[in-house]
């Protein structure tokens, strides 16, 4: 089985190469295909691994490119070549890319294509919670304009995903809104709430953004606009808190002594708040596994993304999504 890694278009392609080598050593039964500038790849392989292949594709799709045009015109780019290998090989199970988010999602939709019955695929990202666990946010940016039925499907797909990768039998799913009451929110949110109540999931109602990382939810569903703001504002707040904490702990001799005594606890806190540890966000609802990892991904996040692809593959997440959506679509057609 092959996993494709597009190493170009991100901030540190050399880190994606090294992270892939780390993952390859852990999973000798899988072949990792590194796609990008072959000279750059070879220079960062280190000791390498016997289960790594290189596909030369030096052209890059940047964040300045128009995604649809770039996917169609830059056919020799690392991203398009990655998608071509993914769709052209029966034994290729998934793709990881830290490139342009718009281009990755466009390529996944146009080249890999949606699963039958999927109205819109969703990007699902994990955030750490105050109790040391994780909450999945879907959609976190793929669909800025979402209809209520899209949000219902996001919930179904995220439910399957969290079951698979987190081992939670009945994920608690909340709908992002401006208040916990059922009638709160705009027309779209109220309509989505009505649909979610009828689904075979553990829907626990509306939630306000301030409770998203409380530990009371396993999945937060929303339109991609609100979900993206939630994820980025949470990440930004976490970075600010860590900077303020560092400043406070180095402001005087006594605080430095305190910081030294708390060193082990502070390292643990930093690790929990590091988004790299959880890998990238999968694009749920397409025919093969696609993970969009951060543009600033390092070795840890790259290896984590590859591990997640293997886990999702081994737990048949695509067929599970198809089964769940078939039941949902059948029910809605009868209404």
C-alpha atoms as a PDB file:
ATOM      1  CA  UNK A   1       0.000   0.000   0.000  1.00  0.00           C
ATOM      2  CA  UNK A   2       1.247   3.470  -0.931  1.00  0.00           C
ATOM      3  CA  UNK A   3       0.928   6.815   0.843  1.00  0.00           C
ATOM      4  CA  UNK A   4       1.726   9.908  -1.209  1.00  0.00           C
ATOM      5  CA  UNK A   5       3.417  12.926   0.391  1.00  0.00           C
ATOM      6  CA  UNK A   6       3.489  16.238  -1.503  1.00  0.00           C
ATOM      7  CA  UNK A   7       6.536  17.936  -0.011  1.00  0.00           C
ATOM      8  CA  UNK A   8       6.390  21.196  -1.982  1.00  0.00           C
ATOM      9  CA  UNK A   9       4.311  24.328  -1.437  1.00  0.00           C
ATOM     10  CA  UNK A  10       4.823  24.368   2.333  1.00  0.00           C
ATOM     11  CA  UNK A  11       7.148  26.435   4.521  1.00  0.00           C
ATOM     12  CA  UNK A  12       9.667  23.688   5.290  1.00  0.00           C
ATOM     13  CA  UNK A  13       9.664  20.877   2.675  1.00  0.00           C
ATOM     14  CA  UNK A  14      12.776  19.354   4.228  1.00  0.00           C
ATOM     15  CA  UNK A  15      10.814  18.702   7.435  1.00  0.00           C
ATOM     16  CA  UNK A  16       8.102  16.862   5.512  1.00  0.00           C
ATOM     17  CA  UNK A  17      10.781  14.657   3.986  1.00  0.00           C
ATOM     18  CA  UNK A  18      12.319  13.835   7.361  1.00  0.00           C
ATOM     19  CA  UNK A  19       8.889  13.251   8.932  1.00  0.00           C
ATOM     20  CA  UNK A  20       8.024  10.842   6.135  1.00  0.00           C
ATOM     21  CA  UNK A  21      11.248   8.923   6.747  1.00  0.00           C
ATOM     22  CA  UNK A  22      10.313   8.642  10.427  1.00  0.00           C
ATOM     23  CA  UNK A  23       6.877   7.278   9.512  1.00  0.00           C
ATOM     24  CA  UNK A  24       8.326   4.895   6.912  1.00  0.00           C
ATOM     25  CA  UNK A  25      10.533   3.291   9.529  1.00  0.00           C
ATOM     26  CA  UNK A  26       7.522   2.750  11.798  1.00  0.00           C
ATOM     27  CA  UNK A  27       5.394   1.272   9.004  1.00  0.00           C
ATOM     28  CA  UNK A  28       7.593  -0.990   6.851  1.00  0.00           C
ATOM     29  CA  UNK A  29       4.536  -2.603   5.233  1.00  0.00           C
ATOM     30  CA  UNK A  30       3.600   0.711   3.579  1.00  0.00           C
ATOM     31  CA  UNK A  31       5.452   2.474   0.771  1.00  0.00           C
ATOM     32  CA  UNK A  32       5.887   6.240   1.088  1.00  0.00           C
ATOM     33  CA  UNK A  33       6.058   8.158  -2.199  1.00  0.00           C
ATOM     34  CA  UNK A  34       7.727  11.545  -1.826  1.00  0.00           C
ATOM     35  CA  UNK A  35       6.703  13.943  -4.604  1.00  0.00           C
ATOM     36  CA  UNK A  36       8.677  17.118  -5.262  1.00  0.00           C
ATOM     37  CA  UNK A  37      12.143  18.341  -6.212  1.00  0.00           C
ATOM     38  CA  UNK A  38      14.221  15.141  -6.205  1.00  0.00           C
ATOM     39  CA  UNK A  39      17.446  16.955  -5.283  1.00  0.00           C
ATOM     40  CA  UNK A  40      15.794  18.512  -2.221  1.00  0.00           C
ATOM     41  CA  UNK A  41      14.259  15.177  -1.237  1.00  0.00           C
ATOM     42  CA  UNK A  42      17.503  13.222  -1.573  1.00  0.00           C
ATOM     43  CA  UNK A  43      19.410  15.861   0.401  1.00  0.00           C
ATOM     44  CA  UNK A  44      17.092  15.375   3.393  1.00  0.00           C
ATOM     45  CA  UNK A  45      16.578  11.613   3.423  1.00  0.00           C
ATOM     46  CA  UNK A  46      19.353  11.033   5.937  1.00  0.00           C
ATOM     47  CA  UNK A  47      19.666   7.308   6.502  1.00  0.00           C
ATOM     48  CA  UNK A  48      16.430   6.899   4.569  1.00  0.00           C
ATOM     49  CA  UNK A  49      14.264   3.801   4.576  1.00  0.00           C
ATOM     50  CA  UNK A  50      13.866   0.948   2.110  1.00  0.00           C
ATOM     51  CA  UNK A  51      10.135   1.646   1.649  1.00  0.00           C
ATOM     52  CA  UNK A  52      10.488   5.157   0.181  1.00  0.00           C
ATOM     53  CA  UNK A  53      10.057   6.121  -3.475  1.00  0.00           C
ATOM     54  CA  UNK A  54      10.763   9.503  -5.088  1.00  0.00           C
ATOM     55  CA  UNK A  55       8.707  11.157  -7.821  1.00  0.00           C
ATOM     56  CA  UNK A  56      10.387  14.208  -9.340  1.00  0.00           C
ATOM     57  CA  UNK A  57       8.010  17.179  -9.674  1.00  0.00           C
ATOM     58  CA  UNK A  58       9.754  20.520  -9.069  1.00  0.00           C
ATOM     59  CA  UNK A  59       6.868  22.796 -10.086  1.00  0.00           C
ATOM     60  CA  UNK A  60       4.906  24.294  -7.183  1.00  0.00           C
ATOM     61  CA  UNK A  61       1.347  25.575  -6.696  1.00  0.00           C
ATOM     62  CA  UNK A  62       1.577  28.571  -4.384  1.00  0.00           C
ATOM     63  CA  UNK A  63      -0.948  30.357  -2.210  1.00  0.00           C
ATOM     64  CA  UNK A  64      -0.981  33.155  -4.802  1.00  0.00           C
ATOM     65  CA  UNK A  65      -2.295  30.823  -7.519  1.00  0.00           C
ATOM     66  CA  UNK A  66      -6.015  30.549  -8.262  1.00  0.00           C
ATOM     67  CA  UNK A  67      -6.718  26.949  -7.095  1.00  0.00           C
ATOM     68  CA  UNK A  68      -8.928  25.769  -9.965  1.00  0.00           C
ATOM     69  CA  UNK A  69      -6.667  27.256 -12.632  1.00  0.00           C
ATOM     70  CA  UNK A  70      -3.532  25.930 -10.975  1.00  0.00           C
ATOM     71  CA  UNK A  71      -4.897  22.375 -10.714  1.00  0.00           C
ATOM     72  CA  UNK A  72      -5.787  22.410 -14.419  1.00  0.00           C
ATOM     73  CA  UNK A  73      -2.725  24.223 -15.745  1.00  0.00           C
ATOM     74  CA  UNK A  74       0.184  23.212 -13.490  1.00  0.00           C
ATOM     75  CA  UNK A  75       0.033  19.548 -14.429  1.00  0.00           C
ATOM     76  CA  UNK A  76       3.684  18.975 -13.523  1.00  0.00           C
ATOM     77  CA  UNK A  77       3.368  20.501 -10.065  1.00  0.00           C
ATOM     78  CA  UNK A  78       4.047  18.293  -7.058  1.00  0.00           C
ATOM     79  CA  UNK A  79       0.430  18.523  -5.914  1.00  0.00           C
ATOM     80  CA  UNK A  80      -1.160  17.546  -9.233  1.00  0.00           C
ATOM     81  CA  UNK A  81       1.388  14.740  -9.679  1.00  0.00           C
ATOM     82  CA  UNK A  82       0.538  13.545  -6.166  1.00  0.00           C
ATOM     83  CA  UNK A  83      -3.164  13.437  -6.995  1.00  0.00           C
ATOM     84  CA  UNK A  84      -2.416  11.623 -10.271  1.00  0.00           C
ATOM     85  CA  UNK A  85      -0.483   8.919  -8.442  1.00  0.00           C
ATOM     86  CA  UNK A  86      -3.190   8.654  -5.799  1.00  0.00           C
ATOM     87  CA  UNK A  87      -6.005   8.160  -8.303  1.00  0.00           C
ATOM     88  CA  UNK A  88      -3.992   6.170 -10.825  1.00  0.00           C
ATOM     89  CA  UNK A  89      -2.775   3.488  -8.417  1.00  0.00           C
ATOM     90  CA  UNK A  90      -5.156   0.965  -6.883  1.00  0.00           C
ATOM     91  CA  UNK A  91      -2.741   0.403  -4.023  1.00  0.00           C
ATOM     92  CA  UNK A  92      -2.407   4.127  -3.192  1.00  0.00           C
ATOM     93  CA  UNK A  93      -4.553   4.766  -0.124  1.00  0.00           C
ATOM     94  CA  UNK A  94      -3.935   8.385   0.815  1.00  0.00           C
ATOM     95  CA  UNK A  95      -2.163  11.709   0.356  1.00  0.00           C
ATOM     96  CA  UNK A  96      -0.620  14.251   2.714  1.00  0.00           C
ATOM     97  CA  UNK A  97       0.084  17.830   1.604  1.00  0.00           C
ATOM     98  CA  UNK A  98       1.127  21.013   3.348  1.00  0.00           C
ATOM     99  CA  UNK A  99       0.542  23.123   0.241  1.00  0.00           C
ATOM    100  CA  UNK A 100      -2.161  25.635  -0.658  1.00  0.00           C
ATOM    101  CA  UNK A 101      -5.359  24.712   1.186  1.00  0.00           C
ATOM    102  CA  UNK A 102      -7.545  25.867  -1.688  1.00  0.00           C
ATOM    103  CA  UNK A 103      -5.561  23.836  -4.214  1.00  0.00           C
ATOM    104  CA  UNK A 104      -5.551  20.701  -2.047  1.00  0.00           C
ATOM    105  CA  UNK A 105      -9.315  20.851  -1.537  1.00  0.00           C
ATOM    106  CA  UNK A 106      -9.956  21.684  -5.194  1.00  0.00           C
ATOM    107  CA  UNK A 107      -7.770  18.805  -6.332  1.00  0.00           C
ATOM    108  CA  UNK A 108      -9.410  16.409  -3.925  1.00  0.00           C
ATOM    109  CA  UNK A 109     -12.837  17.400  -5.239  1.00  0.00           C
ATOM    110  CA  UNK A 110     -12.032  17.546  -8.970  1.00  0.00           C
ATOM    111  CA  UNK A 111      -9.480  14.738  -9.272  1.00  0.00           C
ATOM    112  CA  UNK A 112     -10.214  12.310  -6.429  1.00  0.00           C
ATOM    113  CA  UNK A 113     -13.941  13.179  -6.513  1.00  0.00           C
ATOM    114  CA  UNK A 114     -16.679  12.977  -3.909  1.00  0.00           C
ATOM    115  CA  UNK A 115     -18.184   9.816  -2.517  1.00  0.00           C
ATOM    116  CA  UNK A 116     -21.653   9.004  -3.807  1.00  0.00           C
ATOM    117  CA  UNK A 117     -24.256  11.071  -1.990  1.00  0.00           C
ATOM    118  CA  UNK A 118     -21.790  13.563  -0.480  1.00  0.00           C
ATOM    119  CA  UNK A 119     -23.078  17.086  -1.028  1.00  0.00           C
ATOM    120  CA  UNK A 120     -19.903  18.765   0.223  1.00  0.00           C
ATOM    121  CA  UNK A 121     -16.754  17.189   1.734  1.00  0.00           C
ATOM    122  CA  UNK A 122     -15.655  18.612   5.068  1.00  0.00           C
ATOM    123  CA  UNK A 123     -12.288  19.526   6.565  1.00  0.00           C
ATOM    124  CA  UNK A 124     -12.039  18.136  10.100  1.00  0.00           C
ATOM    125  CA  UNK A 125      -9.438  19.482  12.533  1.00  0.00           C
ATOM    126  CA  UNK A 126      -8.615  18.529  16.129  1.00  0.00           C
ATOM    127  CA  UNK A 127      -8.185  21.017  18.982  1.00  0.00           C
ATOM    128  CA  UNK A 128      -6.900  20.111  22.461  1.00  0.00           C
ATOM    129  CA  UNK A 129      -9.428  20.441  25.311  1.00  0.00           C
ATOM    130  CA  UNK A 130      -8.929  21.525  28.906  1.00  0.00           C
ATOM    131  CA  UNK A 131      -9.186  17.929  30.161  1.00  0.00           C
ATOM    132  CA  UNK A 132      -6.266  16.814  28.003  1.00  0.00           C
ATOM    133  CA  UNK A 133      -8.362  15.237  25.250  1.00  0.00           C
ATOM    134  CA  UNK A 134      -9.342  16.412  21.757  1.00  0.00           C
ATOM    135  CA  UNK A 135     -12.373  17.885  20.015  1.00  0.00           C
ATOM    136  CA  UNK A 136     -12.936  17.651  16.262  1.00  0.00           C
ATOM    137  CA  UNK A 137     -14.166  20.761  14.419  1.00  0.00           C
ATOM    138  CA  UNK A 138     -16.003  20.092  11.141  1.00  0.00           C
ATOM    139  CA  UNK A 139     -16.134  22.067   8.965  1.00  0.00           C
ATOM    140  CA  UNK A 140     -12.985  24.086   9.700  1.00  0.00           C
ATOM    141  CA  UNK A 141     -12.715  25.914   6.398  1.00  0.00           C
ATOM    142  CA  UNK A 142     -13.583  23.901   3.303  1.00  0.00           C
ATOM    143  CA  UNK A 143     -17.108  25.274   2.806  1.00  0.00           C
ATOM    144  CA  UNK A 144     -17.546  28.929   3.648  1.00  0.00           C
ATOM    145  CA  UNK A 145     -21.204  28.871   2.550  1.00  0.00           C
ATOM    146  CA  UNK A 146     -22.982  25.799   3.892  1.00  0.00           C
ATOM    147  CA  UNK A 147     -26.610  24.713   3.700  1.00  0.00           C
ATOM    148  CA  UNK A 148     -28.207  22.962   6.722  1.00  0.00           C
ATOM    149  CA  UNK A 149     -28.069  19.578   4.980  1.00  0.00           C
ATOM    150  CA  UNK A 150     -24.327  20.045   4.409  1.00  0.00           C
ATOM    151  CA  UNK A 151     -23.822  20.593   8.132  1.00  0.00           C
ATOM    152  CA  UNK A 152     -25.848  17.451   8.887  1.00  0.00           C
ATOM    153  CA  UNK A 153     -23.546  15.468   6.622  1.00  0.00           C
ATOM    154  CA  UNK A 154     -20.487  17.048   8.264  1.00  0.00           C
ATOM    155  CA  UNK A 155     -21.758  15.668  11.571  1.00  0.00           C
ATOM    156  CA  UNK A 156     -22.215  12.171  10.160  1.00  0.00           C
ATOM    157  CA  UNK A 157     -18.757  12.092   8.603  1.00  0.00           C
ATOM    158  CA  UNK A 158     -17.031  13.564  11.680  1.00  0.00           C
ATOM    159  CA  UNK A 159     -18.874  11.039  13.844  1.00  0.00           C
ATOM    160  CA  UNK A 160     -17.342   8.180  11.828  1.00  0.00           C
ATOM    161  CA  UNK A 161     -13.902   9.828  11.840  1.00  0.00           C
ATOM    162  CA  UNK A 162     -13.776  10.377  15.602  1.00  0.00           C
ATOM    163  CA  UNK A 163     -14.965   6.834  16.260  1.00  0.00           C
ATOM    164  CA  UNK A 164     -12.159   5.522  14.051  1.00  0.00           C
ATOM    165  CA  UNK A 165      -9.194   7.593  15.184  1.00  0.00           C
ATOM    166  CA  UNK A 166     -10.161   8.326  18.802  1.00  0.00           C
ATOM    167  CA  UNK A 167     -11.946   5.096  19.664  1.00  0.00           C
ATOM    168  CA  UNK A 168     -14.980   6.905  21.087  1.00  0.00           C
ATOM    169  CA  UNK A 169     -18.045   4.716  20.658  1.00  0.00           C
ATOM    170  CA  UNK A 170     -20.651   7.496  20.842  1.00  0.00           C
ATOM    171  CA  UNK A 171     -19.037  10.917  20.194  1.00  0.00           C
ATOM    172  CA  UNK A 172     -20.836  13.886  21.748  1.00  0.00           C
ATOM    173  CA  UNK A 173     -21.694  16.228  18.897  1.00  0.00           C
ATOM    174  CA  UNK A 174     -22.566  19.888  19.378  1.00  0.00           C
ATOM    175  CA  UNK A 175     -23.675  22.540  16.894  1.00  0.00           C
ATOM    176  CA  UNK A 176     -21.773  25.836  17.021  1.00  0.00           C
ATOM    177  CA  UNK A 177     -24.204  28.677  17.701  1.00  0.00           C
ATOM    178  CA  UNK A 178     -24.609  31.904  19.681  1.00  0.00           C
ATOM    179  CA  UNK A 179     -26.423  30.218  22.548  1.00  0.00           C
ATOM    180  CA  UNK A 180     -27.354  26.780  23.893  1.00  0.00           C
ATOM    181  CA  UNK A 181     -31.090  27.149  23.315  1.00  0.00           C
ATOM    182  CA  UNK A 182     -32.566  25.275  20.359  1.00  0.00           C
ATOM    183  CA  UNK A 183     -34.041  28.409  18.793  1.00  0.00           C
ATOM    184  CA  UNK A 184     -30.809  30.432  19.029  1.00  0.00           C
ATOM    185  CA  UNK A 185     -28.785  31.248  15.914  1.00  0.00           C
ATOM    186  CA  UNK A 186     -29.550  32.283  12.374  1.00  0.00           C
ATOM    187  CA  UNK A 187     -32.004  30.524  10.086  1.00  0.00           C
ATOM    188  CA  UNK A 188     -29.351  28.110   8.794  1.00  0.00           C
ATOM    189  CA  UNK A 189     -28.287  27.084  12.304  1.00  0.00           C
ATOM    190  CA  UNK A 190     -31.862  26.491  13.445  1.00  0.00           C
ATOM    191  CA  UNK A 191     -32.565  24.381  10.346  1.00  0.00           C
ATOM    192  CA  UNK A 192     -29.352  22.397  10.888  1.00  0.00           C
ATOM    193  CA  UNK A 193     -30.342  21.804  14.513  1.00  0.00           C
ATOM    194  CA  UNK A 194     -33.645  20.277  13.393  1.00  0.00           C
ATOM    195  CA  UNK A 195     -31.818  17.908  11.011  1.00  0.00           C
ATOM    196  CA  UNK A 196     -29.181  16.907  13.552  1.00  0.00           C
ATOM    197  CA  UNK A 197     -31.856  15.893  16.071  1.00  0.00           C
ATOM    198  CA  UNK A 198     -33.106  13.261  13.636  1.00  0.00           C
ATOM    199  CA  UNK A 199     -29.732  11.672  12.890  1.00  0.00           C
ATOM    200  CA  UNK A 200     -28.494   8.402  14.449  1.00  0.00           C
ATOM    201  CA  UNK A 201     -25.748  10.247  16.348  1.00  0.00           C
ATOM    202  CA  UNK A 202     -25.241  11.488  19.903  1.00  0.00           C
ATOM    203  CA  UNK A 203     -26.319  15.074  19.218  1.00  0.00           C
ATOM    204  CA  UNK A 204     -26.196  17.068  22.461  1.00  0.00           C
ATOM    205  CA  UNK A 205     -27.495  20.414  21.164  1.00  0.00           C
ATOM    206  CA  UNK A 206     -26.076  23.867  20.538  1.00  0.00           C
ATOM    207  CA  UNK A 207     -22.886  25.172  22.100  1.00  0.00           C
ATOM    208  CA  UNK A 208     -21.254  28.564  22.353  1.00  0.00           C
ATOM    209  CA  UNK A 209     -17.708  28.974  21.040  1.00  0.00           C
ATOM    210  CA  UNK A 210     -16.296  29.515  24.538  1.00  0.00           C
ATOM    211  CA  UNK A 211     -17.263  25.939  25.471  1.00  0.00           C
ATOM    212  CA  UNK A 212     -15.823  24.282  22.346  1.00  0.00           C
ATOM    213  CA  UNK A 213     -12.647  23.148  24.150  1.00  0.00           C
ATOM    214  CA  UNK A 214     -14.309  22.542  27.522  1.00  0.00           C
ATOM    215  CA  UNK A 215     -14.063  18.773  27.176  1.00  0.00           C
ATOM    216  CA  UNK A 216     -17.844  18.415  27.057  1.00  0.00           C
ATOM    217  CA  UNK A 217     -17.852  17.741  23.304  1.00  0.00           C
ATOM    218  CA  UNK A 218     -16.063  15.325  20.983  1.00  0.00           C
ATOM    219  CA  UNK A 219     -17.239  17.007  17.762  1.00  0.00           C
ATOM    220  CA  UNK A 220     -18.240  20.584  16.984  1.00  0.00           C
ATOM    221  CA  UNK A 221     -20.096  21.002  13.670  1.00  0.00           C
ATOM    222  CA  UNK A 222     -20.624  24.272  11.853  1.00  0.00           C
ATOM    223  CA  UNK A 223     -20.362  25.980   8.501  1.00  0.00           C
ATOM    224  CA  UNK A 224     -16.775  26.337   7.282  1.00  0.00           C
ATOM    225  CA  UNK A 225     -16.668  30.103   7.870  1.00  0.00           C
ATOM    226  CA  UNK A 226     -17.509  29.916  11.577  1.00  0.00           C
ATOM    227  CA  UNK A 227     -15.497  26.746  12.094  1.00  0.00           C
ATOM    228  CA  UNK A 228     -12.380  28.287  10.575  1.00  0.00           C
ATOM    229  CA  UNK A 229     -12.684  31.333  12.814  1.00  0.00           C
ATOM    230  CA  UNK A 230     -13.144  29.071  15.843  1.00  0.00           C
ATOM    231  CA  UNK A 231     -10.015  27.029  15.068  1.00  0.00           C
ATOM    232  CA  UNK A 232      -7.789  29.996  14.234  1.00  0.00           C
ATOM    233  CA  UNK A 233      -8.937  32.141  17.150  1.00  0.00           C
ATOM    234  CA  UNK A 234      -8.378  29.218  19.532  1.00  0.00           C
ATOM    235  CA  UNK A 235      -4.892  28.571  18.144  1.00  0.00           C
ATOM    236  CA  UNK A 236      -4.111  32.291  18.326  1.00  0.00           C
ATOM    237  CA  UNK A 237      -5.312  32.519  21.915  1.00  0.00           C
ATOM    238  CA  UNK A 238      -3.210  29.498  22.885  1.00  0.00           C
ATOM    239  CA  UNK A 239      -0.093  31.102  21.388  1.00  0.00           C
ATOM    240  CA  UNK A 240      -0.832  34.373  23.193  1.00  0.00           C
ATOM    241  CA  UNK A 241      -1.296  32.608  26.539  1.00  0.00           C
ATOM    242  CA  UNK A 242       1.992  30.740  26.118  1.00  0.00           C
ATOM    243  CA  UNK A 243       3.822  33.977  25.274  1.00  0.00           C
ATOM    244  CA  UNK A 244       2.301  35.788  28.253  1.00  0.00           C
ATOM    245  CA  UNK A 245       3.147  32.871  30.517  1.00  0.00           C
ATOM    246  CA  UNK A 246       6.754  32.850  29.286  1.00  0.00           C
ATOM    247  CA  UNK A 247       7.011  36.601  29.822  1.00  0.00           C
ATOM    248  CA  UNK A 248       5.608  36.338  33.346  1.00  0.00           C
ATOM    249  CA  UNK A 249       7.897  33.456  34.277  1.00  0.00           C
ATOM    250  CA  UNK A 250      11.024  35.323  33.171  1.00  0.00           C
ATOM    251  CA  UNK A 251      10.120  38.751  34.573  1.00  0.00           C
ATOM    252  CA  UNK A 252      12.008  38.428  37.870  1.00  0.00           C
ATOM    253  CA  UNK A 253      14.424  36.209  39.770  1.00  0.00           C
ATOM    254  CA  UNK A 254      11.674  34.698  41.909  1.00  0.00           C
ATOM    255  CA  UNK A 255       9.511  33.905  38.866  1.00  0.00           C
ATOM    256  CA  UNK A 256      12.507  32.290  37.142  1.00  0.00           C
ATOM    257  CA  UNK A 257      13.043  30.088  40.187  1.00  0.00           C
ATOM    258  CA  UNK A 258       9.347  29.193  40.105  1.00  0.00           C
ATOM    259  CA  UNK A 259       9.587  28.395  36.407  1.00  0.00           C
ATOM    260  CA  UNK A 260      12.534  26.090  37.083  1.00  0.00           C
ATOM    261  CA  UNK A 261      10.496  24.218  39.686  1.00  0.00           C
ATOM    262  CA  UNK A 262       7.589  23.977  37.236  1.00  0.00           C
ATOM    263  CA  UNK A 263       9.737  22.979  34.234  1.00  0.00           C
ATOM    264  CA  UNK A 264       8.323  19.471  33.880  1.00  0.00           C
ATOM    265  CA  UNK A 265       4.709  20.657  34.135  1.00  0.00           C
ATOM    266  CA  UNK A 266       5.306  23.489  31.683  1.00  0.00           C
ATOM    267  CA  UNK A 267       6.804  21.100  29.124  1.00  0.00           C
ATOM    268  CA  UNK A 268       3.750  18.882  29.481  1.00  0.00           C
ATOM    269  CA  UNK A 269       1.438  21.874  28.964  1.00  0.00           C
ATOM    270  CA  UNK A 270       3.354  22.997  25.878  1.00  0.00           C
ATOM    271  CA  UNK A 271       3.150  19.500  24.411  1.00  0.00           C
ATOM    272  CA  UNK A 272      -0.624  19.336  24.924  1.00  0.00           C
ATOM    273  CA  UNK A 273      -1.108  22.687  23.200  1.00  0.00           C
ATOM    274  CA  UNK A 274       1.143  21.856  20.237  1.00  0.00           C
ATOM    275  CA  UNK A 275      -1.078  21.289  17.181  1.00  0.00           C
ATOM    276  CA  UNK A 276       1.785  19.515  15.391  1.00  0.00           C
ATOM    277  CA  UNK A 277       1.253  16.435  17.558  1.00  0.00           C
ATOM    278  CA  UNK A 278      -2.195  15.772  16.082  1.00  0.00           C
ATOM    279  CA  UNK A 279      -1.283  15.916  12.403  1.00  0.00           C
ATOM    280  CA  UNK A 280      -3.270  17.632   9.681  1.00  0.00           C
ATOM    281  CA  UNK A 281      -6.980  17.794   8.921  1.00  0.00           C
ATOM    282  CA  UNK A 282      -8.548  15.064   6.759  1.00  0.00           C
ATOM    283  CA  UNK A 283     -10.848  16.050   3.903  1.00  0.00           C
ATOM    284  CA  UNK A 284     -13.776  13.732   4.634  1.00  0.00           C
ATOM    285  CA  UNK A 285     -16.191  12.771   1.875  1.00  0.00           C
ATOM    286  CA  UNK A 286     -13.862  12.040  -1.062  1.00  0.00           C
ATOM    287  CA  UNK A 287     -13.021   8.641  -2.537  1.00  0.00           C
ATOM    288  CA  UNK A 288      -9.526   8.377  -1.069  1.00  0.00           C
ATOM    289  CA  UNK A 289      -7.893   9.654   2.090  1.00  0.00           C
ATOM    290  CA  UNK A 290      -6.560  13.208   1.793  1.00  0.00           C
ATOM    291  CA  UNK A 291      -4.989  15.122   4.685  1.00  0.00           C
ATOM    292  CA  UNK A 292      -4.206  18.829   4.543  1.00  0.00           C
ATOM    293  CA  UNK A 293      -1.466  19.498   7.050  1.00  0.00           C
ATOM    294  CA  UNK A 294      -0.264  22.913   8.208  1.00  0.00           C
ATOM    295  CA  UNK A 295       1.955  24.929   5.891  1.00  0.00           C
ATOM    296  CA  UNK A 296       4.410  25.152   8.786  1.00  0.00           C
ATOM    297  CA  UNK A 297       4.347  21.404   9.417  1.00  0.00           C
ATOM    298  CA  UNK A 298       7.392  19.771  10.947  1.00  0.00           C
ATOM    299  CA  UNK A 299       8.595  16.184  11.263  1.00  0.00           C
ATOM    300  CA  UNK A 300       6.150  15.402  14.091  1.00  0.00           C
ATOM    301  CA  UNK A 301       3.018  16.636  12.323  1.00  0.00           C
ATOM    302  CA  UNK A 302       4.007  14.939   9.055  1.00  0.00           C
ATOM    303  CA  UNK A 303       4.491  11.570  10.740  1.00  0.00           C
ATOM    304  CA  UNK A 304       1.241  12.053  12.678  1.00  0.00           C
ATOM    305  CA  UNK A 305      -0.657  12.765   9.442  1.00  0.00           C
ATOM    306  CA  UNK A 306       0.732   9.600   7.850  1.00  0.00           C
ATOM    307  CA  UNK A 307      -0.162   7.604  10.971  1.00  0.00           C
ATOM    308  CA  UNK A 308      -3.731   8.944  10.769  1.00  0.00           C
ATOM    309  CA  UNK A 309      -4.052   7.866   7.130  1.00  0.00           C
ATOM    310  CA  UNK A 310      -2.953   4.346   8.048  1.00  0.00           C
ATOM    311  CA  UNK A 311      -5.364   4.251  10.989  1.00  0.00           C
ATOM    312  CA  UNK A 312      -8.293   5.495   8.885  1.00  0.00           C
ATOM    313  CA  UNK A 313      -7.464   2.986   6.145  1.00  0.00           C
ATOM    314  CA  UNK A 314      -7.233   0.068   8.535  1.00  0.00           C
ATOM    315  CA  UNK A 315     -10.578   1.018  10.088  1.00  0.00           C
ATOM    316  CA  UNK A 316     -12.342   1.347   6.726  1.00  0.00           C
ATOM    317  CA  UNK A 317     -13.408   4.922   7.329  1.00  0.00           C
ATOM    318  CA  UNK A 318     -14.423   5.565   3.709  1.00  0.00           C
ATOM    319  CA  UNK A 319     -16.825   2.626   3.566  1.00  0.00           C
ATOM    320  CA  UNK A 320     -18.174   3.568   7.015  1.00  0.00           C
ATOM    321  CA  UNK A 321     -18.883   7.094   5.771  1.00  0.00           C
ATOM    322  CA  UNK A 322     -20.626   5.701   2.693  1.00  0.00           C
ATOM    323  CA  UNK A 323     -22.841   3.496   4.852  1.00  0.00           C
ATOM    324  CA  UNK A 324     -23.783   6.352   7.179  1.00  0.00           C
ATOM    325  CA  UNK A 325     -24.538   8.735   4.335  1.00  0.00           C
ATOM    326  CA  UNK A 326     -26.634   6.160   2.481  1.00  0.00           C
ATOM    327  CA  UNK A 327     -28.928   5.903   5.502  1.00  0.00           C
ATOM    328  CA  UNK A 328     -29.090   9.691   5.830  1.00  0.00           C
ATOM    329  CA  UNK A 329     -29.838  10.270   2.148  1.00  0.00           C
ATOM    330  CA  UNK A 330     -32.503   7.564   2.151  1.00  0.00           C
ATOM    331  CA  UNK A 331     -34.202   9.137   5.143  1.00  0.00           C
ATOM    332  CA  UNK A 332     -34.172  12.653   3.667  1.00  0.00           C
ATOM    333  CA  UNK A 333     -35.583  11.436   0.349  1.00  0.00           C
ATOM    334  CA  UNK A 334     -38.589   9.974   2.181  1.00  0.00           C
ATOM    335  CA  UNK A 335     -39.342  13.265   3.922  1.00  0.00           C
END
